[in-house]
N, C-alpha and C. Protein backbone atom coordinates (compact mmCIF):
# COMPACT_ATOMS: atom_id res chain seq x y z
N UNK A 1 12.41 -37.72 24.01
CA UNK A 1 11.89 -38.94 23.15
C UNK A 1 11.22 -37.41 22.14
N UNK A 2 11.82 -37.20 20.88
CA UNK A 2 11.47 -36.16 19.94
C UNK A 2 10.09 -35.75 19.54
N UNK A 3 9.13 -34.72 19.23
CA UNK A 3 8.30 -34.52 18.90
C UNK A 3 7.68 -34.37 18.11
N UNK A 4 6.14 -35.25 17.55
CA UNK A 4 5.88 -35.53 16.52
C UNK A 4 4.75 -35.08 15.81
N UNK A 5 4.50 -34.61 14.80
CA UNK A 5 3.48 -34.45 14.70
C UNK A 5 2.38 -35.72 14.11
N UNK A 6 0.59 -35.61 14.28
CA UNK A 6 0.42 -36.51 14.01
C UNK A 6 -0.73 -35.83 12.85
N UNK A 7 -0.76 -36.16 11.33
CA UNK A 7 -1.75 -35.67 10.25
C UNK A 7 -2.19 -36.58 9.74
N UNK A 8 -3.87 -36.86 10.01
CA UNK A 8 -4.92 -37.61 9.39
C UNK A 8 -5.70 -38.09 8.17
N UNK A 9 -5.56 -38.39 7.62
CA UNK A 9 -6.40 -37.94 6.10
C UNK A 9 -7.49 -38.90 6.07
N UNK A 10 -8.47 -38.71 5.60
CA UNK A 10 -9.54 -39.65 5.64
C UNK A 10 -10.22 -39.53 3.91
N UNK A 11 -10.56 -40.81 3.46
CA UNK A 11 -11.38 -40.21 2.10
C UNK A 11 -12.41 -41.40 2.22
N UNK A 12 -13.35 -40.60 1.98
CA UNK A 12 -14.64 -41.57 2.40
C UNK A 12 -14.91 -41.96 0.66
N UNK A 13 -15.12 -43.36 0.35
CA UNK A 13 -15.17 -43.81 -1.01
C UNK A 13 -16.50 -45.08 -0.57
N UNK A 14 -17.19 -44.63 -1.79
CA UNK A 14 -18.82 -45.16 -1.78
C UNK A 14 -18.47 -47.40 -2.40
N UNK A 15 -17.59 -47.34 -2.35
CA UNK A 15 -17.26 -49.17 -2.42
C UNK A 15 -15.89 -49.14 -2.98
N UNK A 16 -15.52 -50.04 -2.47
CA UNK A 16 -14.16 -50.48 -3.03
C UNK A 16 -13.89 -50.17 -4.34
N UNK A 17 -14.40 -51.33 -5.05
CA UNK A 17 -14.59 -50.94 -6.89
C UNK A 17 -15.06 -50.04 -7.09
N UNK A 18 -15.92 -49.31 -6.57
CA UNK A 18 -16.00 -47.43 -7.28
C UNK A 18 -14.72 -46.98 -8.16
N UNK A 19 -14.63 -45.99 -9.41
CA UNK A 19 -13.44 -45.82 -10.03
C UNK A 19 -13.22 -44.41 -9.89
N UNK A 20 -14.15 -43.69 -8.81
CA UNK A 20 -14.24 -42.73 -8.56
C UNK A 20 -12.94 -41.80 -7.45
N UNK A 21 -13.01 -40.67 -6.79
CA UNK A 21 -11.43 -40.52 -6.44
C UNK A 21 -12.14 -40.66 -5.19
N UNK A 22 -13.30 -40.16 -4.38
CA UNK A 22 -14.13 -40.38 -3.13
C UNK A 22 -14.28 -39.49 -2.85
N UNK A 23 -13.73 -39.10 -1.32
CA UNK A 23 -14.67 -37.59 -1.28
C UNK A 23 -13.63 -37.16 0.55
N UNK A 24 -12.59 -36.56 -0.13
CA UNK A 24 -11.54 -35.83 0.86
C UNK A 24 -11.24 -34.20 0.95
N UNK A 25 -9.45 -34.48 1.66
CA UNK A 25 -9.76 -33.33 1.44
C UNK A 25 -9.41 -32.17 0.07
N UNK A 26 -9.18 -32.32 -0.07
CA UNK A 26 -9.74 -31.47 -1.45
C UNK A 26 -10.47 -31.51 -2.03
N UNK A 27 -11.72 -32.24 -1.76
CA UNK A 27 -12.90 -31.66 -2.26
C UNK A 27 -13.57 -30.62 -0.92
N UNK A 28 -12.81 -31.38 0.39
CA UNK A 28 -12.61 -30.06 1.50
C UNK A 28 -13.04 -28.60 1.22
N UNK A 29 -11.71 -28.43 0.61
CA UNK A 29 -11.14 -27.22 0.20
C UNK A 29 -12.08 -26.29 -0.60
N UNK A 30 -12.25 -27.63 -1.61
CA UNK A 30 -13.25 -26.75 -2.77
C UNK A 30 -14.49 -25.97 -2.09
N UNK A 31 -14.90 -26.88 -1.18
CA UNK A 31 -16.01 -26.69 -0.97
C UNK A 31 -16.79 -25.22 0.25
N UNK A 32 -15.12 -25.43 0.96
CA UNK A 32 -15.38 -24.02 2.03
C UNK A 32 -15.18 -23.30 0.91
N UNK A 33 -14.35 -22.82 0.12
CA UNK A 33 -13.58 -22.17 -0.47
C UNK A 33 -14.99 -21.36 -0.90
N UNK A 34 -15.45 -22.55 -1.62
CA UNK A 34 -16.88 -21.83 -2.66
C UNK A 34 -17.78 -21.08 -1.43
N UNK A 35 -18.27 -21.79 -0.31
CA UNK A 35 -19.00 -21.30 0.82
C UNK A 35 -18.24 -19.84 1.16
N UNK A 36 -17.11 -19.83 0.80
CA UNK A 36 -16.14 -18.50 1.57
C UNK A 36 -16.50 -17.09 0.39
N UNK A 37 -16.19 -17.55 -0.74
CA UNK A 37 -16.29 -16.69 -1.92
C UNK A 37 -17.70 -16.84 -2.64
N UNK A 38 -18.32 -18.20 -2.48
CA UNK A 38 -19.48 -17.72 -2.99
C UNK A 38 -19.39 -17.67 -5.04
N UNK A 39 -18.20 -18.79 -5.23
CA UNK A 39 -18.25 -19.03 -6.58
C UNK A 39 -16.71 -19.92 -6.30
N UNK A 40 -17.32 -21.05 -7.21
CA UNK A 40 -16.62 -21.88 -7.91
C UNK A 40 -15.35 -22.08 -8.51
N UNK A 41 -15.58 -20.48 -9.30
CA UNK A 41 -14.17 -20.30 -10.60
C UNK A 41 -13.43 -19.21 -9.54
N UNK A 42 -14.23 -18.64 -8.89
CA UNK A 42 -12.59 -17.97 -7.75
C UNK A 42 -11.88 -19.07 -6.88
N UNK A 43 -12.53 -20.02 -6.34
CA UNK A 43 -11.97 -20.90 -5.56
C UNK A 43 -11.18 -21.51 -6.01
N UNK A 44 -11.22 -22.04 -7.94
CA UNK A 44 -10.35 -22.90 -8.10
C UNK A 44 -9.26 -22.36 -8.74
N UNK A 45 -9.00 -21.32 -9.00
CA UNK A 45 -8.15 -19.77 -8.87
C UNK A 45 -7.13 -19.48 -7.56
N UNK A 46 -8.16 -19.55 -5.89
CA UNK A 46 -7.22 -19.08 -5.00
C UNK A 46 -6.43 -20.59 -5.07
N UNK A 47 -6.66 -21.47 -5.23
CA UNK A 47 -6.27 -22.92 -4.99
C UNK A 47 -5.02 -23.24 -6.03
N UNK A 48 -4.92 -22.15 -7.15
CA UNK A 48 -4.48 -22.64 -8.41
C UNK A 48 -4.35 -23.80 -8.64
N UNK A 49 -5.72 -23.70 -9.16
CA UNK A 49 -6.57 -25.30 -9.83
C UNK A 49 -7.62 -24.49 -11.25
N UNK A 50 -7.77 -25.30 -12.35
CA UNK A 50 -8.22 -24.50 -13.39
C UNK A 50 -9.37 -24.87 -13.27
N UNK A 51 -10.67 -23.83 -13.27
CA UNK A 51 -11.73 -24.00 -12.95
C UNK A 51 -12.54 -25.99 -13.62
N UNK A 52 -11.89 -25.82 -15.04
CA UNK A 52 -12.88 -27.57 -15.33
C UNK A 52 -12.12 -28.18 -14.53
N UNK A 53 -10.98 -28.28 -14.02
CA UNK A 53 -10.18 -29.47 -13.07
C UNK A 53 -11.15 -29.83 -11.65
N UNK A 54 -11.16 -28.76 -11.09
CA UNK A 54 -12.43 -28.59 -10.22
C UNK A 54 -14.05 -28.50 -10.11
N UNK A 55 -14.44 -28.18 -11.53
CA UNK A 55 -15.49 -28.47 -11.85
C UNK A 55 -15.96 -30.17 -11.87
N UNK A 56 -14.92 -30.82 -12.68
CA UNK A 56 -14.50 -31.60 -13.06
C UNK A 56 -14.82 -33.14 -11.62
N UNK A 57 -13.62 -32.41 -10.80
CA UNK A 57 -13.65 -33.04 -8.92
C UNK A 57 -14.70 -33.22 -8.43
N UNK A 58 -15.75 -32.18 -8.55
CA UNK A 58 -17.08 -32.04 -7.35
C UNK A 58 -17.88 -32.86 -8.42
N UNK A 59 -17.93 -32.59 -10.43
CA UNK A 59 -18.51 -33.64 -10.66
C UNK A 59 -18.60 -34.76 -10.62
N UNK A 60 -17.89 -35.68 -10.23
CA UNK A 60 -17.02 -37.04 -10.38
C UNK A 60 -17.81 -36.83 -8.46
N UNK A 61 -17.81 -36.55 -7.52
CA UNK A 61 -18.39 -36.59 -5.93
C UNK A 61 -19.39 -36.54 -6.43
N UNK A 62 -20.30 -35.74 -6.68
CA UNK A 62 -21.24 -35.76 -6.60
C UNK A 62 -22.16 -37.29 -7.39
N UNK A 63 -21.51 -37.90 -8.73
CA UNK A 63 -21.73 -38.72 -9.02
C UNK A 63 -22.02 -40.24 -8.20
N UNK A 64 -20.44 -40.15 -7.53
CA UNK A 64 -20.44 -41.38 -6.77
C UNK A 64 -21.43 -41.33 -5.76
N UNK A 65 -21.16 -40.47 -4.82
CA UNK A 65 -22.22 -40.41 -3.47
C UNK A 65 -23.46 -40.48 -3.87
N UNK A 66 -23.46 -39.47 -5.39
CA UNK A 66 -25.29 -39.20 -5.58
C UNK A 66 -25.88 -38.10 -4.98
N UNK A 67 -25.15 -37.07 -4.90
CA UNK A 67 -26.09 -35.91 -4.06
C UNK A 67 -25.06 -34.70 -4.52
N UNK A 68 -26.03 -33.67 -4.93
CA UNK A 68 -25.41 -32.59 -4.79
C UNK A 68 -24.92 -31.58 -4.25
N UNK A 69 -23.52 -31.08 -4.28
CA UNK A 69 -22.62 -30.67 -3.55
C UNK A 69 -22.89 -29.32 -3.71
N UNK A 70 -22.92 -28.69 -4.76
CA UNK A 70 -23.34 -27.41 -5.15
C UNK A 70 -24.26 -27.11 -5.96
N UNK A 71 -24.78 -25.71 -6.03
CA UNK A 71 -25.76 -25.30 -6.71
C UNK A 71 -25.28 -24.29 -7.38
N UNK A 72 -25.45 -24.42 -8.69
CA UNK A 72 -24.35 -23.23 -9.49
C UNK A 72 -25.97 -22.17 -10.06
N UNK A 73 -25.24 -20.95 -9.87
CA UNK A 73 -26.01 -19.78 -9.84
C UNK A 73 -26.43 -18.61 -10.99
N UNK A 74 -25.60 -19.82 -12.26
CA UNK A 74 -25.20 -18.67 -13.42
C UNK A 74 -24.28 -17.45 -12.86
N UNK A 75 -24.54 -16.72 -13.11
CA UNK A 75 -23.18 -15.47 -13.24
C UNK A 75 -22.93 -15.19 -11.81
N UNK A 76 -24.38 -15.03 -10.64
CA UNK A 76 -24.18 -14.95 -9.46
C UNK A 76 -22.93 -15.76 -8.47
N UNK A 77 -22.61 -17.09 -9.44
CA UNK A 77 -21.83 -17.78 -8.82
C UNK A 77 -21.89 -19.28 -7.94
N UNK A 78 -21.73 -19.70 -7.23
CA UNK A 78 -21.59 -21.08 -6.57
C UNK A 78 -22.36 -20.98 -5.26
N UNK A 79 -23.52 -21.99 -4.88
CA UNK A 79 -23.25 -21.62 -3.07
C UNK A 79 -23.36 -23.59 -2.49
N UNK A 80 -23.09 -23.99 -1.97
CA UNK A 80 -23.32 -25.18 -1.05
C UNK A 80 -24.82 -25.40 -1.27
N UNK A 81 -25.20 -26.97 -1.66
CA UNK A 81 -26.83 -27.21 -1.06
C UNK A 81 -26.97 -27.86 0.22
N UNK A 82 -28.08 -27.70 0.66
CA UNK A 82 -28.02 -28.30 2.81
C UNK A 82 -27.83 -29.73 1.92
N UNK A 83 -27.44 -30.66 1.29
CA UNK A 83 -27.25 -31.64 1.34
C UNK A 83 -25.28 -32.04 1.67
N UNK A 84 -24.96 -31.06 0.78
CA UNK A 84 -23.54 -30.47 0.71
C UNK A 84 -22.93 -30.42 1.89
N UNK A 85 -23.33 -29.30 2.02
CA UNK A 85 -23.39 -28.33 3.67
C UNK A 85 -22.83 -29.87 5.18
N UNK A 86 -23.74 -30.26 4.82
CA UNK A 86 -24.42 -31.77 5.50
C UNK A 86 -23.28 -32.52 5.82
N UNK A 87 -23.19 -33.25 4.25
CA UNK A 87 -22.18 -34.33 3.71
C UNK A 87 -20.76 -33.84 4.13
N UNK A 88 -20.62 -32.25 3.85
CA UNK A 88 -19.25 -31.27 4.05
C UNK A 88 -18.83 -31.82 6.26
N UNK A 89 -20.14 -30.94 6.89
CA UNK A 89 -20.13 -30.88 8.21
C UNK A 89 -19.88 -32.09 8.89
N UNK A 90 -20.41 -33.49 8.21
CA UNK A 90 -20.02 -35.02 8.60
C UNK A 90 -18.89 -35.38 8.21
N UNK A 91 -18.59 -34.92 7.37
CA UNK A 91 -17.13 -35.59 6.73
C UNK A 91 -16.21 -34.65 7.74
N UNK A 92 -16.53 -34.05 8.17
CA UNK A 92 -14.93 -32.62 9.26
C UNK A 92 -15.73 -33.43 10.41
N UNK A 93 -16.83 -33.71 11.32
CA UNK A 93 -16.55 -34.10 12.24
C UNK A 93 -15.77 -35.01 12.47
N UNK A 94 -16.18 -36.35 11.62
CA UNK A 94 -15.52 -37.58 11.22
C UNK A 94 -13.80 -37.39 11.50
N UNK A 95 -13.21 -36.30 10.63
CA UNK A 95 -11.68 -36.01 10.47
C UNK A 95 -11.96 -35.74 11.75
N UNK A 96 -12.28 -35.12 12.57
CA UNK A 96 -11.90 -34.13 13.88
C UNK A 96 -11.67 -35.54 14.57
N UNK A 97 -12.98 -36.67 14.62
CA UNK A 97 -12.73 -37.60 15.56
C UNK A 97 -11.76 -39.01 15.55
N UNK A 98 -11.36 -38.93 13.98
CA UNK A 98 -9.95 -39.66 13.69
C UNK A 98 -8.72 -39.12 14.28
N UNK A 99 -8.74 -38.21 14.36
CA UNK A 99 -7.70 -36.98 15.00
C UNK A 99 -7.75 -37.73 16.19
N UNK A 100 -8.23 -37.15 17.02
CA UNK A 100 -8.37 -37.74 18.78
C UNK A 100 -8.12 -39.08 18.99
N UNK A 101 -8.86 -39.66 18.11
CA UNK A 101 -8.40 -41.03 17.89
C UNK A 101 -7.03 -41.45 17.87
N UNK A 102 -6.25 -40.78 17.00
CA UNK A 102 -4.80 -40.62 16.44
C UNK A 102 -4.07 -40.27 17.95
N UNK A 103 -4.27 -39.40 17.92
CA UNK A 103 -3.38 -38.52 19.18
C UNK A 103 -3.42 -39.22 20.37
N UNK A 104 -4.94 -39.94 20.96
CA UNK A 104 -4.33 -40.82 21.78
C UNK A 104 -3.91 -41.95 21.51
N UNK A 105 -3.90 -42.62 20.27
CA UNK A 105 -2.53 -43.59 20.44
C UNK A 105 -1.33 -42.96 20.24
N UNK A 106 -0.81 -42.29 19.48
CA UNK A 106 0.25 -41.39 20.15
C UNK A 106 0.63 -41.45 21.45
N UNK A 107 -0.21 -40.78 21.85
CA UNK A 107 0.09 -40.69 23.62
C UNK A 107 0.16 -42.12 24.47
N UNK A 108 -0.03 -42.98 23.76
CA UNK A 108 -0.16 -43.77 24.16
C UNK A 108 1.12 -44.85 24.26
N UNK A 109 1.97 -44.37 22.87
CA UNK A 109 3.40 -45.45 22.49
C UNK A 109 4.02 -44.15 22.03
N UNK A 110 3.99 -42.97 22.88
CA UNK A 110 4.71 -41.84 22.41
C UNK A 110 5.54 -41.11 23.15
N UNK A 111 4.59 -40.64 24.70
CA UNK A 111 4.38 -39.83 25.38
C UNK A 111 4.76 -40.43 26.55
């Protein structure tokens, strides 16, 4: 039997009626980049995204989840807030758990 690749994608939404984009892989990448680069602008450029779009995505997520993900430090860039870092960490742990569960189901039916 051929080997398949398992890929899970998790998007958190505050509730099903909210019109926001949720919190998913794209915001995870933005936050990881900000943590690495110390700058939303540098991260947006690295991702090939307009700064205004990156900022809009983060503001929408902050509004939807009523948390502050990043803190702007003026000319010194941006950094993750403690709350943002914890939210990101929990999201990543949830994604890892989902990946493990998906792998177990795969092994049950395809191995």
